[in-house]
């Protein structure tokens, strides 16, 4: 496979050419304001009598096994000091139920079983059943490899027997330099390459006659693009949030489908 000049430069020189970025208060405030509005909408979805889903999962039928991804508000847009990203993905898993997904999402010490190689390790810092504080290490590879340590506050549960939710809000994200070596260290939070400064995930799921219909919305905040380096940085910044969400939905679907198959085999 041949690499064009720009791709080769991105691979070889990307970390050198892209100057470090810094999270600003206006960017952080823009993220918090947007998330507050999103969570109000989700509360309305889950509090009402109808479906708790939105977007593709609500408007059209999904084929079993397929993962559909859509951009929300265009997927990526500029805010003062950064870029916001909002993507939504959905999948239908025959044979699965809301408790299955809730159990998987709460398996805090074994998330690498389902989400490797993106998730390297995970464990709960605290857990009372419904709420937890979670620590994770991520390995993101898009042209360059980025290793992140992150902490999240999570809240999850069932709305009766037919549907449920899980919210995950990032509280800390650190980029790791020289991971796995004796010189491994965390960069100062918010003063790094800016691939992820904030990352929130919102799961909504409900039982349908044909199986479990699940939807995940991911909202993230990343660096802005340095002047003159859009060709180098933008392909990574724009594709990383969408690709990460699609990977997560696919891995979740596969894990639930495997569990459903084992359960069916055991019953027979």
C-alpha atoms as a PDB file:
ATOM      1  CA  UNK A   1       0.000   0.000   0.000  1.00  0.00           C
ATOM      2  CA  UNK A   2       1.427   3.385  -0.978  1.00  0.00           C
ATOM      3  CA  UNK A   3       1.326   6.376   1.319  1.00  0.00           C
ATOM      4  CA  UNK A   4       0.874   9.803  -0.180  1.00  0.00           C
ATOM      5  CA  UNK A   5       3.171  12.592   0.955  1.00  0.00           C
ATOM      6  CA  UNK A   6       0.720  14.103   3.431  1.00  0.00           C
ATOM      7  CA  UNK A   7      -0.113  10.762   5.055  1.00  0.00           C
ATOM      8  CA  UNK A   8       3.563   9.942   5.411  1.00  0.00           C
ATOM      9  CA  UNK A   9       4.212  13.349   6.975  1.00  0.00           C
ATOM     10  CA  UNK A  10       1.338  12.866   9.408  1.00  0.00           C
ATOM     11  CA  UNK A  11       2.701   9.513  10.535  1.00  0.00           C
ATOM     12  CA  UNK A  12       6.337  10.571  10.796  1.00  0.00           C
ATOM     13  CA  UNK A  13       6.078  14.182  11.869  1.00  0.00           C
ATOM     14  CA  UNK A  14       2.624  14.604  13.376  1.00  0.00           C
ATOM     15  CA  UNK A  15       3.667  14.693  17.047  1.00  0.00           C
ATOM     16  CA  UNK A  16       6.491  17.107  16.177  1.00  0.00           C
ATOM     17  CA  UNK A  17       4.541  19.471  13.952  1.00  0.00           C
ATOM     18  CA  UNK A  18       1.466  19.723  16.157  1.00  0.00           C
ATOM     19  CA  UNK A  19       2.178  22.101  19.047  1.00  0.00           C
ATOM     20  CA  UNK A  20       0.718  21.314  22.448  1.00  0.00           C
ATOM     21  CA  UNK A  21      -2.642  22.859  23.226  1.00  0.00           C
ATOM     22  CA  UNK A  22      -4.231  24.155  26.408  1.00  0.00           C
ATOM     23  CA  UNK A  23      -7.801  23.791  27.628  1.00  0.00           C
ATOM     24  CA  UNK A  24      -9.368  27.217  28.119  1.00  0.00           C
ATOM     25  CA  UNK A  25     -12.219  28.322  30.356  1.00  0.00           C
ATOM     26  CA  UNK A  26     -14.434  29.361  27.398  1.00  0.00           C
ATOM     27  CA  UNK A  27     -14.062  25.912  25.829  1.00  0.00           C
ATOM     28  CA  UNK A  28     -14.794  24.191  29.138  1.00  0.00           C
ATOM     29  CA  UNK A  29     -17.853  26.395  29.709  1.00  0.00           C
ATOM     30  CA  UNK A  30     -19.138  25.680  26.194  1.00  0.00           C
ATOM     31  CA  UNK A  31     -18.904  21.952  26.875  1.00  0.00           C
ATOM     32  CA  UNK A  32     -20.664  22.224  30.254  1.00  0.00           C
ATOM     33  CA  UNK A  33     -23.482  24.322  28.774  1.00  0.00           C
ATOM     34  CA  UNK A  34     -24.012  21.924  25.902  1.00  0.00           C
ATOM     35  CA  UNK A  35     -23.982  18.868  28.160  1.00  0.00           C
ATOM     36  CA  UNK A  36     -26.518  20.453  30.521  1.00  0.00           C
ATOM     37  CA  UNK A  37     -28.918  20.922  27.604  1.00  0.00           C
ATOM     38  CA  UNK A  38     -28.335  17.370  26.386  1.00  0.00           C
ATOM     39  CA  UNK A  39     -28.965  15.897  29.819  1.00  0.00           C
ATOM     40  CA  UNK A  40     -32.233  17.820  30.098  1.00  0.00           C
ATOM     41  CA  UNK A  41     -33.344  16.255  26.815  1.00  0.00           C
ATOM     42  CA  UNK A  42     -32.310  12.782  27.975  1.00  0.00           C
ATOM     43  CA  UNK A  43     -34.172  13.237  31.276  1.00  0.00           C
ATOM     44  CA  UNK A  44     -37.289  14.051  29.280  1.00  0.00           C
ATOM     45  CA  UNK A  45     -36.825  10.985  27.087  1.00  0.00           C
ATOM     46  CA  UNK A  46     -36.431   8.670  30.047  1.00  0.00           C
ATOM     47  CA  UNK A  47     -39.141  10.311  32.110  1.00  0.00           C
ATOM     48  CA  UNK A  48     -41.854  10.126  29.470  1.00  0.00           C
ATOM     49  CA  UNK A  49     -44.223   7.283  28.598  1.00  0.00           C
ATOM     50  CA  UNK A  50     -42.883   6.703  25.076  1.00  0.00           C
ATOM     51  CA  UNK A  51     -39.554   5.453  23.795  1.00  0.00           C
ATOM     52  CA  UNK A  52     -36.417   6.600  25.577  1.00  0.00           C
ATOM     53  CA  UNK A  53     -34.462   6.605  22.323  1.00  0.00           C
ATOM     54  CA  UNK A  54     -33.722   9.345  19.797  1.00  0.00           C
ATOM     55  CA  UNK A  55     -32.422   9.686  16.266  1.00  0.00           C
ATOM     56  CA  UNK A  56     -32.020   6.665  14.024  1.00  0.00           C
ATOM     57  CA  UNK A  57     -33.129   4.176  16.650  1.00  0.00           C
ATOM     58  CA  UNK A  58     -36.391   6.044  17.114  1.00  0.00           C
ATOM     59  CA  UNK A  59     -37.158   6.916  13.518  1.00  0.00           C
ATOM     60  CA  UNK A  60     -36.341   3.763  11.579  1.00  0.00           C
ATOM     61  CA  UNK A  61     -35.943   0.027  11.954  1.00  0.00           C
ATOM     62  CA  UNK A  62     -32.473  -1.361  12.493  1.00  0.00           C
ATOM     63  CA  UNK A  63     -31.354  -4.659  10.992  1.00  0.00           C
ATOM     64  CA  UNK A  64     -30.143  -7.148  13.620  1.00  0.00           C
ATOM     65  CA  UNK A  65     -26.385  -6.949  13.974  1.00  0.00           C
ATOM     66  CA  UNK A  66     -25.994  -3.641  12.159  1.00  0.00           C
ATOM     67  CA  UNK A  67     -24.467  -0.567  13.802  1.00  0.00           C
ATOM     68  CA  UNK A  68     -25.729   2.786  12.551  1.00  0.00           C
ATOM     69  CA  UNK A  69     -23.897   6.014  13.340  1.00  0.00           C
ATOM     70  CA  UNK A  70     -25.167   9.551  12.857  1.00  0.00           C
ATOM     71  CA  UNK A  71     -23.818  13.024  13.437  1.00  0.00           C
ATOM     72  CA  UNK A  72     -25.687  15.292  15.846  1.00  0.00           C
ATOM     73  CA  UNK A  73     -25.541  19.005  14.925  1.00  0.00           C
ATOM     74  CA  UNK A  74     -23.117  18.152  12.153  1.00  0.00           C
ATOM     75  CA  UNK A  75     -20.884  15.972  14.340  1.00  0.00           C
ATOM     76  CA  UNK A  76     -18.111  18.550  14.865  1.00  0.00           C
ATOM     77  CA  UNK A  77     -18.240  22.298  15.355  1.00  0.00           C
ATOM     78  CA  UNK A  78     -16.023  25.045  16.663  1.00  0.00           C
ATOM     79  CA  UNK A  79     -16.326  26.690  20.059  1.00  0.00           C
ATOM     80  CA  UNK A  80     -14.056  29.306  21.574  1.00  0.00           C
ATOM     81  CA  UNK A  81     -10.775  27.514  22.227  1.00  0.00           C
ATOM     82  CA  UNK A  82     -11.712  24.068  20.968  1.00  0.00           C
ATOM     83  CA  UNK A  83     -13.916  21.720  18.975  1.00  0.00           C
ATOM     84  CA  UNK A  84     -17.101  20.024  20.153  1.00  0.00           C
ATOM     85  CA  UNK A  85     -18.133  16.609  18.862  1.00  0.00           C
ATOM     86  CA  UNK A  86     -21.490  14.857  19.214  1.00  0.00           C
ATOM     87  CA  UNK A  87     -22.156  11.485  17.628  1.00  0.00           C
ATOM     88  CA  UNK A  88     -24.923   8.969  18.193  1.00  0.00           C
ATOM     89  CA  UNK A  89     -24.912   5.251  17.353  1.00  0.00           C
ATOM     90  CA  UNK A  90     -27.487   2.491  17.671  1.00  0.00           C
ATOM     91  CA  UNK A  91     -27.702  -1.275  17.297  1.00  0.00           C
ATOM     92  CA  UNK A  92     -30.246  -4.077  17.743  1.00  0.00           C
ATOM     93  CA  UNK A  93     -29.185  -7.293  19.498  1.00  0.00           C
ATOM     94  CA  UNK A  94     -31.605 -10.252  19.239  1.00  0.00           C
ATOM     95  CA  UNK A  95     -31.810 -12.388  22.361  1.00  0.00           C
ATOM     96  CA  UNK A  96     -30.433  -9.678  24.674  1.00  0.00           C
ATOM     97  CA  UNK A  97     -32.321  -7.704  27.331  1.00  0.00           C
ATOM     98  CA  UNK A  98     -31.806  -4.509  29.363  1.00  0.00           C
ATOM     99  CA  UNK A  99     -30.323  -6.350  32.340  1.00  0.00           C
ATOM    100  CA  UNK A 100     -27.692  -7.912  30.078  1.00  0.00           C
ATOM    101  CA  UNK A 101     -26.434  -4.513  28.944  1.00  0.00           C
ATOM    102  CA  UNK A 102     -26.571  -3.032  32.426  1.00  0.00           C
ATOM    103  CA  UNK A 103     -24.508  -5.948  33.767  1.00  0.00           C
ATOM    104  CA  UNK A 104     -21.911  -5.501  31.028  1.00  0.00           C
ATOM    105  CA  UNK A 105     -21.594  -1.740  31.530  1.00  0.00           C
ATOM    106  CA  UNK A 106     -21.185  -2.257  35.288  1.00  0.00           C
ATOM    107  CA  UNK A 107     -18.461  -4.882  34.916  1.00  0.00           C
ATOM    108  CA  UNK A 108     -15.940  -2.201  35.810  1.00  0.00           C
ATOM    109  CA  UNK A 109     -12.948  -4.468  36.444  1.00  0.00           C
ATOM    110  CA  UNK A 110     -13.236  -6.336  33.152  1.00  0.00           C
ATOM    111  CA  UNK A 111     -14.102  -3.736  30.507  1.00  0.00           C
ATOM    112  CA  UNK A 112     -10.899  -4.634  28.646  1.00  0.00           C
ATOM    113  CA  UNK A 113     -12.496  -8.039  27.926  1.00  0.00           C
ATOM    114  CA  UNK A 114     -15.127  -6.342  25.785  1.00  0.00           C
ATOM    115  CA  UNK A 115     -13.351  -3.224  24.544  1.00  0.00           C
ATOM    116  CA  UNK A 116      -9.727  -4.209  23.888  1.00  0.00           C
ATOM    117  CA  UNK A 117      -7.529  -2.847  22.412  1.00  0.00           C
ATOM    118  CA  UNK A 118      -9.188   0.536  22.997  1.00  0.00           C
ATOM    119  CA  UNK A 119      -9.568  -0.110  26.727  1.00  0.00           C
ATOM    120  CA  UNK A 120      -6.320  -1.287  28.309  1.00  0.00           C
ATOM    121  CA  UNK A 121      -7.491  -1.508  31.920  1.00  0.00           C
ATOM    122  CA  UNK A 122     -10.285  -0.367  34.227  1.00  0.00           C
ATOM    123  CA  UNK A 123     -11.409  -0.537  37.829  1.00  0.00           C
ATOM    124  CA  UNK A 124     -13.936   1.092  40.124  1.00  0.00           C
ATOM    125  CA  UNK A 125     -12.662   3.694  42.591  1.00  0.00           C
ATOM    126  CA  UNK A 126     -16.025   3.544  44.355  1.00  0.00           C
ATOM    127  CA  UNK A 127     -19.284   1.740  43.621  1.00  0.00           C
ATOM    128  CA  UNK A 128     -22.619   1.740  45.432  1.00  0.00           C
ATOM    129  CA  UNK A 129     -24.459  -0.174  42.720  1.00  0.00           C
ATOM    130  CA  UNK A 130     -26.211   2.699  41.009  1.00  0.00           C
ATOM    131  CA  UNK A 131     -23.345   5.221  41.033  1.00  0.00           C
ATOM    132  CA  UNK A 132     -19.636   4.591  40.623  1.00  0.00           C
ATOM    133  CA  UNK A 133     -16.335   6.359  40.069  1.00  0.00           C
ATOM    134  CA  UNK A 134     -14.375   4.584  37.362  1.00  0.00           C
ATOM    135  CA  UNK A 135     -10.697   4.728  36.335  1.00  0.00           C
ATOM    136  CA  UNK A 136      -9.700   3.620  32.840  1.00  0.00           C
ATOM    137  CA  UNK A 137      -6.707   3.589  30.532  1.00  0.00           C
ATOM    138  CA  UNK A 138      -7.408   4.087  26.819  1.00  0.00           C
ATOM    139  CA  UNK A 139      -5.260   3.374  23.812  1.00  0.00           C
ATOM    140  CA  UNK A 140      -6.437   5.378  20.799  1.00  0.00           C
ATOM    141  CA  UNK A 141      -4.738   4.850  17.449  1.00  0.00           C
ATOM    142  CA  UNK A 142      -5.525   7.168  14.542  1.00  0.00           C
ATOM    143  CA  UNK A 143      -2.323   7.798  12.548  1.00  0.00           C
ATOM    144  CA  UNK A 144      -0.577   8.349  15.895  1.00  0.00           C
ATOM    145  CA  UNK A 145      -1.115   6.386  19.101  1.00  0.00           C
ATOM    146  CA  UNK A 146      -2.474   8.289  22.081  1.00  0.00           C
ATOM    147  CA  UNK A 147      -2.647   6.754  25.568  1.00  0.00           C
ATOM    148  CA  UNK A 148      -4.976   8.372  28.083  1.00  0.00           C
ATOM    149  CA  UNK A 149      -5.770   7.806  31.746  1.00  0.00           C
ATOM    150  CA  UNK A 150      -9.293   8.934  32.618  1.00  0.00           C
ATOM    151  CA  UNK A 151     -11.704   8.984  35.515  1.00  0.00           C
ATOM    152  CA  UNK A 152     -15.469   9.017  35.125  1.00  0.00           C
ATOM    153  CA  UNK A 153     -18.495   9.339  37.336  1.00  0.00           C
ATOM    154  CA  UNK A 154     -21.173   6.920  36.207  1.00  0.00           C
ATOM    155  CA  UNK A 155     -24.845   6.519  36.931  1.00  0.00           C
ATOM    156  CA  UNK A 156     -26.915   3.622  35.646  1.00  0.00           C
ATOM    157  CA  UNK A 157     -30.125   1.722  36.239  1.00  0.00           C
ATOM    158  CA  UNK A 158     -33.313   0.260  34.815  1.00  0.00           C
ATOM    159  CA  UNK A 159     -36.560   2.129  34.202  1.00  0.00           C
ATOM    160  CA  UNK A 160     -38.748  -0.856  35.019  1.00  0.00           C
ATOM    161  CA  UNK A 161     -38.114  -4.152  33.243  1.00  0.00           C
ATOM    162  CA  UNK A 162     -38.235  -2.846  29.699  1.00  0.00           C
ATOM    163  CA  UNK A 163     -35.622  -0.109  29.469  1.00  0.00           C
ATOM    164  CA  UNK A 164     -32.571   1.420  31.108  1.00  0.00           C
ATOM    165  CA  UNK A 165     -29.811   4.011  31.002  1.00  0.00           C
ATOM    166  CA  UNK A 166     -26.156   4.573  31.805  1.00  0.00           C
ATOM    167  CA  UNK A 167     -24.461   7.982  31.949  1.00  0.00           C
ATOM    168  CA  UNK A 168     -20.687   8.402  32.100  1.00  0.00           C
ATOM    169  CA  UNK A 169     -19.166  11.864  32.676  1.00  0.00           C
ATOM    170  CA  UNK A 170     -15.420  12.443  32.520  1.00  0.00           C
ATOM    171  CA  UNK A 171     -13.953  14.137  35.583  1.00  0.00           C
ATOM    172  CA  UNK A 172     -10.247  13.840  34.676  1.00  0.00           C
ATOM    173  CA  UNK A 173      -8.348  12.969  31.484  1.00  0.00           C
ATOM    174  CA  UNK A 174      -4.550  12.801  31.375  1.00  0.00           C
ATOM    175  CA  UNK A 175      -2.419  12.121  28.320  1.00  0.00           C
ATOM    176  CA  UNK A 176       0.387   9.651  29.027  1.00  0.00           C
ATOM    177  CA  UNK A 177       3.898  10.135  27.718  1.00  0.00           C
ATOM    178  CA  UNK A 178       6.168   7.119  27.162  1.00  0.00           C
ATOM    179  CA  UNK A 179       3.528   4.618  28.359  1.00  0.00           C
ATOM    180  CA  UNK A 180       4.793   1.263  29.578  1.00  0.00           C
ATOM    181  CA  UNK A 181       8.323   2.492  30.154  1.00  0.00           C
ATOM    182  CA  UNK A 182      10.203   3.435  33.297  1.00  0.00           C
ATOM    183  CA  UNK A 183       9.789   7.075  32.221  1.00  0.00           C
ATOM    184  CA  UNK A 184       6.010   6.915  31.889  1.00  0.00           C
ATOM    185  CA  UNK A 185       4.276  10.020  33.234  1.00  0.00           C
ATOM    186  CA  UNK A 186       1.060  11.983  32.962  1.00  0.00           C
ATOM    187  CA  UNK A 187       1.068  15.346  31.284  1.00  0.00           C
ATOM    188  CA  UNK A 188      -0.562  18.233  33.086  1.00  0.00           C
ATOM    189  CA  UNK A 189      -4.294  17.863  32.651  1.00  0.00           C
ATOM    190  CA  UNK A 190      -5.585  20.166  29.906  1.00  0.00           C
ATOM    191  CA  UNK A 191      -2.063  20.977  28.633  1.00  0.00           C
ATOM    192  CA  UNK A 192      -1.325  18.250  26.099  1.00  0.00           C
ATOM    193  CA  UNK A 193      -2.037  17.326  22.475  1.00  0.00           C
ATOM    194  CA  UNK A 194      -5.750  17.895  23.060  1.00  0.00           C
ATOM    195  CA  UNK A 195      -7.146  14.719  21.471  1.00  0.00           C
ATOM    196  CA  UNK A 196      -9.689  14.381  24.303  1.00  0.00           C
ATOM    197  CA  UNK A 197     -10.192  16.985  27.013  1.00  0.00           C
ATOM    198  CA  UNK A 198     -13.732  15.888  27.903  1.00  0.00           C
ATOM    199  CA  UNK A 199     -15.647  12.730  27.020  1.00  0.00           C
ATOM    200  CA  UNK A 200     -19.192  11.939  28.138  1.00  0.00           C
ATOM    201  CA  UNK A 201     -21.243   8.926  27.070  1.00  0.00           C
ATOM    202  CA  UNK A 202     -24.985   8.439  27.428  1.00  0.00           C
ATOM    203  CA  UNK A 203     -26.614   5.038  26.923  1.00  0.00           C
ATOM    204  CA  UNK A 204     -30.337   4.530  26.413  1.00  0.00           C
ATOM    205  CA  UNK A 205     -31.748   1.068  25.785  1.00  0.00           C
ATOM    206  CA  UNK A 206     -35.089  -0.689  25.675  1.00  0.00           C
ATOM    207  CA  UNK A 207     -36.622  -4.050  25.022  1.00  0.00           C
ATOM    208  CA  UNK A 208     -38.321  -4.626  21.694  1.00  0.00           C
ATOM    209  CA  UNK A 209     -40.009  -7.797  20.420  1.00  0.00           C
ATOM    210  CA  UNK A 210     -37.050  -8.368  18.112  1.00  0.00           C
ATOM    211  CA  UNK A 211     -34.400  -7.866  20.818  1.00  0.00           C
ATOM    212  CA  UNK A 212     -32.547  -5.163  22.741  1.00  0.00           C
ATOM    213  CA  UNK A 213     -32.385  -1.796  20.999  1.00  0.00           C
ATOM    214  CA  UNK A 214     -29.504   0.259  22.370  1.00  0.00           C
ATOM    215  CA  UNK A 215     -28.280   3.746  21.633  1.00  0.00           C
ATOM    216  CA  UNK A 216     -25.187   5.612  22.794  1.00  0.00           C
ATOM    217  CA  UNK A 217     -24.497   9.332  22.455  1.00  0.00           C
ATOM    218  CA  UNK A 218     -20.896  10.484  22.857  1.00  0.00           C
ATOM    219  CA  UNK A 219     -20.039  14.140  23.442  1.00  0.00           C
ATOM    220  CA  UNK A 220     -16.405  15.212  23.532  1.00  0.00           C
ATOM    221  CA  UNK A 221     -14.227  18.299  23.594  1.00  0.00           C
ATOM    222  CA  UNK A 222     -10.908  18.417  21.754  1.00  0.00           C
ATOM    223  CA  UNK A 223      -8.330  20.956  20.733  1.00  0.00           C
ATOM    224  CA  UNK A 224      -8.878  23.429  17.945  1.00  0.00           C
ATOM    225  CA  UNK A 225      -6.781  23.071  14.806  1.00  0.00           C
ATOM    226  CA  UNK A 226      -3.558  25.130  14.693  1.00  0.00           C
ATOM    227  CA  UNK A 227      -3.422  27.620  11.814  1.00  0.00           C
ATOM    228  CA  UNK A 228      -1.788  26.066   8.773  1.00  0.00           C
ATOM    229  CA  UNK A 229      -1.934  22.511  10.159  1.00  0.00           C
ATOM    230  CA  UNK A 230      -5.544  21.687   9.339  1.00  0.00           C
ATOM    231  CA  UNK A 231      -4.500  19.119   6.724  1.00  0.00           C
ATOM    232  CA  UNK A 232      -2.408  17.344   9.354  1.00  0.00           C
ATOM    233  CA  UNK A 233      -4.509  17.517  12.513  1.00  0.00           C
ATOM    234  CA  UNK A 234      -8.098  17.700  11.271  1.00  0.00           C
ATOM    235  CA  UNK A 235      -8.309  14.128   9.886  1.00  0.00           C
ATOM    236  CA  UNK A 236      -7.349  12.794  13.324  1.00  0.00           C
ATOM    237  CA  UNK A 237      -9.462  15.201  15.389  1.00  0.00           C
ATOM    238  CA  UNK A 238     -12.585  14.764  13.244  1.00  0.00           C
ATOM    239  CA  UNK A 239     -12.478  10.994  12.829  1.00  0.00           C
ATOM    240  CA  UNK A 240     -11.415   9.965  16.340  1.00  0.00           C
ATOM    241  CA  UNK A 241     -14.725  10.666  18.207  1.00  0.00           C
ATOM    242  CA  UNK A 242     -16.877   8.968  15.552  1.00  0.00           C
ATOM    243  CA  UNK A 243     -14.568   5.978  15.151  1.00  0.00           C
ATOM    244  CA  UNK A 244     -14.284   5.529  18.918  1.00  0.00           C
ATOM    245  CA  UNK A 245     -18.079   5.464  19.299  1.00  0.00           C
ATOM    246  CA  UNK A 246     -18.558   3.045  16.415  1.00  0.00           C
ATOM    247  CA  UNK A 247     -15.960   0.723  17.923  1.00  0.00           C
ATOM    248  CA  UNK A 248     -17.711   0.884  21.314  1.00  0.00           C
ATOM    249  CA  UNK A 249     -21.139   0.040  19.874  1.00  0.00           C
ATOM    250  CA  UNK A 250     -19.756  -2.783  17.760  1.00  0.00           C
ATOM    251  CA  UNK A 251     -17.857  -4.305  20.678  1.00  0.00           C
ATOM    252  CA  UNK A 252     -20.909  -4.022  22.943  1.00  0.00           C
ATOM    253  CA  UNK A 253     -23.166  -5.623  20.330  1.00  0.00           C
ATOM    254  CA  UNK A 254     -20.709  -8.485  19.838  1.00  0.00           C
ATOM    255  CA  UNK A 255     -20.386  -9.139  23.586  1.00  0.00           C
ATOM    256  CA  UNK A 256     -24.163  -9.145  24.111  1.00  0.00           C
ATOM    257  CA  UNK A 257     -24.722 -11.388  21.083  1.00  0.00           C
ATOM    258  CA  UNK A 258     -22.127 -13.885  22.358  1.00  0.00           C
ATOM    259  CA  UNK A 259     -23.795 -13.948  25.793  1.00  0.00           C
ATOM    260  CA  UNK A 260     -27.213 -14.481  24.201  1.00  0.00           C
ATOM    261  CA  UNK A 261     -25.861 -17.369  22.116  1.00  0.00           C
ATOM    262  CA  UNK A 262     -24.325 -19.037  25.177  1.00  0.00           C
ATOM    263  CA  UNK A 263     -27.552 -18.627  27.115  1.00  0.00           C
ATOM    264  CA  UNK A 264     -29.558 -20.181  24.274  1.00  0.00           C
ATOM    265  CA  UNK A 265     -27.091 -23.098  24.071  1.00  0.00           C
ATOM    266  CA  UNK A 266     -27.252 -23.707  27.819  1.00  0.00           C
ATOM    267  CA  UNK A 267     -31.063 -23.707  27.720  1.00  0.00           C
ATOM    268  CA  UNK A 268     -31.001 -26.420  25.069  1.00  0.00           C
END
